[in-house]
Amino acid sequence: MRGIFPLCCSIALLSRSSGDRRSALRCRRSRCGPLRGGQSVRRRGTMMDDERSRALQEALFCESVLAKSGENVLSETLRGAPVTAWSHYPAGDIFDPDTGAQWYYHCHVPPADETEHGHFHCFVRPDGPKGPVHHLIAVGVDPFGRLHRLFTVNQWVVGDTWLDAEATIALLPRFDVHFSKPSYLVNRWLTAVVRHFQPEIETLIRERDAVLAGHIAPQGVTVREDRQLEVTSSLPASLG
């Protein structure tokens, strides 16, 4: 699985020769081997904090590059297309065949609140494009493409193949999009947001299951098909 690191580092690695890349990867593995059971909790926490920090840096870097040309995550996703409620942007969704990560953007009428323009639905297809799809999290943004909230939804909303919380959480590292369409910067921004907020997303996914477990649906309707329950957990979010 490809790790996350600042986009400027990604570009630098791509410019090296294949021999240099192999040497760099060998050096990185020798310095940062897998954590073992006897290593301290502090070191584990430090590595997680470091990864979150790198993800935040990458998300902010993507925003700053887009801003130089007067763009933002939302405008770069829509590319001037007329916005129609419920339509997917870009058409056909984005899917990275190497990781199984998939996403699309859309908006609702009426909107969720006075701030949100729409949201990115993030999925993983662990068995490839024809395999089952699993919803991870939705990432809401305002009309200027700024992060607004993170939330989970009931199964009927996206029609995915259901996984319980822990199995869903195990797929979060698979959401890693290296794809040029509609924009490499948008793909890396969305990947970085999911990585930076992974602990909070894990909590939201567990809360999703707790809400569903406690929900009483109308007679003859299953809980995961109850149209009265759409958003199952939500958290305001910002990159600062």
Protein backbone atom coordinates (compact mmCIF):
# COMPACT_ATOMS: atom_id res chain seq x y z
CA MET A 1 0.00 0.00 0.00
CA ARG A 2 1.27 3.38 -0.93
CA GLY A 3 1.81 5.66 2.01
CA ILE A 4 0.90 9.29 2.13
CA PHE A 5 3.51 12.02 2.03
CA PRO A 6 3.55 15.62 0.85
CA LEU A 7 2.75 16.05 -2.82
CA CYS A 8 6.00 17.93 -3.42
CA CYS A 9 7.84 14.79 -2.27
CA SER A 10 5.73 12.69 -4.66
CA ILE A 11 6.79 14.84 -7.58
CA ALA A 12 10.43 14.71 -6.53
CA LEU A 13 10.38 10.91 -6.38
CA LEU A 14 8.78 10.66 -9.80
CA SER A 15 11.64 12.66 -11.28
CA ARG A 16 14.35 10.27 -10.08
CA SER A 17 15.78 7.44 -12.09
CA SER A 18 14.49 3.94 -11.35
CA GLY A 19 17.80 3.06 -9.71
CA ASP A 20 17.60 6.07 -7.43
CA ARG A 21 14.04 5.19 -6.50
CA ARG A 22 15.02 1.66 -5.55
CA SER A 23 17.88 2.95 -3.42
CA ALA A 24 15.61 5.50 -1.75
CA LEU A 25 13.00 2.84 -0.98
CA ARG A 26 15.63 0.52 0.49
CA CYS A 27 16.92 3.30 2.72
CA ARG A 28 13.41 4.21 3.85
CA ARG A 29 12.61 0.62 4.74
CA SER A 30 15.84 0.19 6.69
CA ARG A 31 15.10 3.30 8.75
CA CYS A 32 11.39 2.68 9.31
CA GLY A 33 10.80 -1.03 9.65
CA PRO A 34 7.45 -2.41 10.81
CA LEU A 35 6.51 -1.80 14.42
CA ARG A 36 6.78 -4.87 16.61
CA GLY A 37 4.84 -5.86 19.69
CA GLY A 38 7.60 -4.87 22.08
CA GLN A 39 7.90 -1.30 20.84
CA SER A 40 6.51 1.46 22.99
CA VAL A 41 3.01 2.87 22.72
CA ARG A 42 4.64 6.30 22.67
CA ARG A 43 6.48 5.47 19.44
CA ARG A 44 3.26 4.20 17.87
CA GLY A 45 1.49 7.39 18.88
CA THR A 46 4.34 9.51 17.55
CA MET A 47 4.28 7.76 14.17
CA MET A 48 0.50 8.22 13.95
CA ASP A 49 0.87 11.90 14.81
CA ASP A 50 3.60 12.25 12.20
CA GLU A 51 1.40 10.66 9.54
CA ARG A 52 -1.49 12.95 10.44
CA SER A 53 0.82 15.95 10.26
CA ARG A 54 2.09 14.93 6.80
CA ALA A 55 -1.47 14.44 5.62
CA LEU A 56 -2.46 17.89 6.86
CA GLN A 57 0.56 19.40 5.09
CA GLU A 58 -0.40 17.66 1.86
CA ALA A 59 -4.03 18.84 2.03
CA LEU A 60 -2.95 22.43 2.67
CA PHE A 61 -0.33 22.22 -0.09
CA CYS A 62 -2.98 21.10 -2.59
CA GLU A 63 -5.22 23.99 -1.58
CA SER A 64 -2.39 26.50 -1.91
CA VAL A 65 -1.43 25.31 -5.41
CA LEU A 66 -5.05 25.49 -6.56
CA ALA A 67 -5.44 28.96 -5.04
CA LYS A 68 -2.52 30.29 -7.13
CA SER A 69 -4.67 29.90 -10.24
CA GLY A 70 -7.86 31.08 -8.58
CA GLU A 71 -9.23 27.56 -8.14
CA ASN A 72 -10.26 25.43 -5.19
CA VAL A 73 -11.13 21.79 -4.58
CA LEU A 74 -14.76 22.29 -5.57
CA SER A 75 -14.20 24.36 -8.71
CA GLU A 76 -11.48 21.94 -9.83
CA THR A 77 -13.90 19.04 -9.39
CA LEU A 78 -16.79 20.64 -11.24
CA ARG A 79 -14.66 22.17 -14.03
CA GLY A 80 -17.41 24.62 -14.95
CA ALA A 81 -20.10 21.93 -15.34
CA PRO A 82 -23.65 23.03 -14.51
CA VAL A 83 -24.52 21.69 -11.06
CA THR A 84 -27.59 19.47 -10.93
CA ALA A 85 -28.74 18.01 -7.63
CA TRP A 86 -27.94 14.31 -7.18
CA SER A 87 -25.76 14.12 -10.31
CA HIS A 88 -22.30 12.62 -9.85
CA TYR A 89 -19.21 14.72 -10.54
CA PRO A 90 -17.19 13.78 -12.41
CA ALA A 91 -19.51 11.61 -14.50
CA GLY A 92 -18.71 7.94 -13.99
CA ASP A 93 -16.96 8.55 -10.65
CA ILE A 94 -13.24 8.28 -9.93
CA PHE A 95 -11.70 4.85 -9.36
CA ASP A 96 -8.05 3.99 -8.71
CA PRO A 97 -7.49 0.39 -9.87
CA ASP A 98 -4.32 0.02 -7.81
CA THR A 99 -5.97 0.69 -4.44
CA GLY A 100 -9.68 0.22 -5.09
CA ALA A 101 -10.41 3.76 -3.89
CA GLN A 102 -13.47 5.37 -5.45
CA TRP A 103 -15.28 8.68 -4.99
CA TYR A 104 -17.81 11.06 -6.46
CA TYR A 105 -19.11 14.51 -5.58
CA HIS A 106 -22.75 15.58 -5.51
CA CYS A 107 -25.13 17.97 -3.80
CA HIS A 108 -28.66 17.82 -2.42
CA VAL A 109 -31.72 20.01 -2.65
CA PRO A 110 -32.28 21.36 -0.10
CA PRO A 111 -28.66 21.43 1.15
CA ALA A 112 -27.75 19.88 4.48
CA ASP A 113 -27.29 23.30 6.10
CA GLU A 114 -26.58 26.94 5.28
CA THR A 115 -22.87 26.26 4.77
CA GLU A 116 -22.55 23.02 2.82
CA HIS A 117 -22.53 23.08 -0.98
CA GLY A 118 -22.21 19.31 -1.34
CA HIS A 119 -20.00 16.40 -0.43
CA PHE A 120 -17.58 13.76 -1.64
CA HIS A 121 -18.69 10.17 -1.02
CA CYS A 122 -15.61 7.98 -0.46
CA PHE A 123 -15.62 4.24 -1.10
CA VAL A 124 -13.30 1.28 -1.49
CA ARG A 125 -13.72 -1.66 -3.88
CA PRO A 126 -11.19 -4.11 -2.42
CA ASP A 127 -11.81 -6.74 -5.10
CA GLY A 128 -11.57 -4.43 -8.11
CA PRO A 129 -14.04 -2.48 -10.27
CA LYS A 130 -16.53 -5.35 -10.56
CA GLY A 131 -16.37 -6.30 -6.89
CA PRO A 132 -18.46 -5.07 -3.97
CA VAL A 133 -18.22 -1.39 -3.04
CA HIS A 134 -18.08 -0.20 0.57
CA HIS A 135 -18.83 3.34 1.74
CA LEU A 136 -16.29 4.81 4.16
CA ILE A 137 -17.13 8.46 4.80
CA ALA A 138 -18.64 11.56 3.23
CA VAL A 139 -16.64 14.79 3.15
CA GLY A 140 -18.75 17.95 3.04
CA VAL A 141 -17.39 21.23 1.64
CA ASP A 142 -18.67 24.80 1.43
CA PRO A 143 -19.14 26.76 -1.84
CA PHE A 144 -15.44 27.70 -1.74
CA GLY A 145 -14.25 24.10 -1.47
CA ARG A 146 -13.31 24.39 2.19
CA LEU A 147 -13.76 21.36 4.41
CA HIS A 148 -17.00 21.65 6.39
CA ARG A 149 -17.89 18.30 7.94
CA LEU A 150 -17.40 14.53 7.93
CA PHE A 151 -20.36 12.17 8.16
CA THR A 152 -21.58 8.62 7.68
CA VAL A 153 -24.84 7.52 6.08
CA ASN A 154 -27.33 4.71 6.24
CA GLN A 155 -26.97 1.94 3.67
CA TRP A 156 -29.96 2.98 1.52
CA VAL A 157 -28.33 6.36 0.82
CA VAL A 158 -25.50 4.95 -1.31
CA GLY A 159 -26.63 1.35 -1.86
CA ASP A 160 -23.25 -0.14 -1.00
CA THR A 161 -22.42 -3.64 0.16
CA TRP A 162 -22.66 -3.42 3.93
CA LEU A 163 -19.75 -4.01 6.26
CA ASP A 164 -19.85 -3.61 10.02
CA ALA A 165 -17.73 -0.94 11.68
CA GLU A 166 -14.45 -2.79 12.24
CA ALA A 167 -14.38 -4.26 8.74
CA THR A 168 -15.12 -0.80 7.30
CA ILE A 169 -12.39 0.80 9.41
CA ALA A 170 -9.90 -1.78 8.16
CA LEU A 171 -10.45 -0.43 4.62
CA LEU A 172 -9.60 3.20 5.44
CA PRO A 173 -5.90 2.89 4.50
CA ARG A 174 -7.00 1.64 1.07
CA PHE A 175 -8.48 5.03 0.26
CA ASP A 176 -5.41 6.36 -1.53
CA VAL A 177 -6.07 7.98 -4.90
CA HIS A 178 -3.22 8.53 -7.38
CA PHE A 179 -5.16 9.52 -10.48
CA SER A 180 -4.97 12.46 -12.87
CA LYS A 181 -8.72 12.94 -13.38
CA PRO A 182 -10.48 15.23 -12.67
CA SER A 183 -7.40 16.65 -10.94
CA TYR A 184 -4.42 15.06 -9.24
CA LEU A 185 -4.59 17.83 -6.63
CA VAL A 186 -8.21 17.04 -5.79
CA ASN A 187 -7.43 13.34 -5.51
CA ARG A 188 -4.49 13.95 -3.20
CA TRP A 189 -6.47 16.49 -1.13
CA LEU A 190 -9.28 14.01 -0.55
CA THR A 191 -6.82 11.24 0.30
CA ALA A 192 -5.05 13.54 2.76
CA VAL A 193 -8.30 14.59 4.45
CA VAL A 194 -9.29 10.96 5.03
CA ARG A 195 -5.81 10.15 6.35
CA HIS A 196 -5.56 13.21 8.61
CA PHE A 197 -8.96 12.61 10.18
CA GLN A 198 -8.74 8.81 10.31
CA PRO A 199 -9.14 8.56 14.12
CA GLU A 200 -12.23 10.77 13.98
CA ILE A 201 -13.59 8.82 11.01
CA GLU A 202 -13.14 5.57 12.92
CA THR A 203 -15.20 7.04 15.76
CA LEU A 204 -17.90 8.16 13.32
CA ILE A 205 -18.11 4.70 11.76
CA ARG A 206 -18.49 3.05 15.16
CA GLU A 207 -21.12 5.64 16.07
CA ARG A 208 -22.91 4.79 12.82
CA ASP A 209 -23.31 1.20 13.91
CA ALA A 210 -24.39 2.21 17.41
CA VAL A 211 -27.08 4.52 16.00
CA LEU A 212 -28.34 1.78 13.68
CA ALA A 213 -28.39 -0.74 16.52
CA GLY A 214 -30.55 1.59 18.60
CA HIS A 215 -32.88 2.74 15.81
CA ILE A 216 -36.45 1.42 15.58
CA ALA A 217 -37.66 1.36 11.99
CA PRO A 218 -41.31 1.32 10.95
CA GLN A 219 -42.94 -2.07 10.80
CA GLY A 220 -41.95 -3.98 7.68
CA VAL A 221 -38.86 -1.82 7.03
CA THR A 222 -35.31 -2.86 7.89
CA VAL A 223 -33.18 -0.36 9.78
CA ARG A 224 -30.68 0.06 6.94
CA GLU A 225 -33.52 0.76 4.47
CA ASP A 226 -35.40 3.23 6.65
CA ARG A 227 -35.65 6.50 4.67
CA GLN A 228 -36.28 8.38 7.91
CA LEU A 229 -32.67 7.74 8.93
CA GLU A 230 -30.16 9.19 6.47
CA VAL A 231 -27.12 10.62 8.31
CA THR A 232 -25.98 8.28 11.06
CA SER A 233 -23.10 10.34 12.53
CA SER A 234 -21.54 13.71 11.78
CA LEU A 235 -18.64 15.89 12.87
CA PRO A 236 -17.76 19.51 11.95
CA ALA A 237 -14.27 19.59 10.47
CA SER A 238 -11.73 22.14 9.29
CA LEU A 239 -8.14 22.15 8.10
CA GLY A 240 -7.50 25.27 10.14
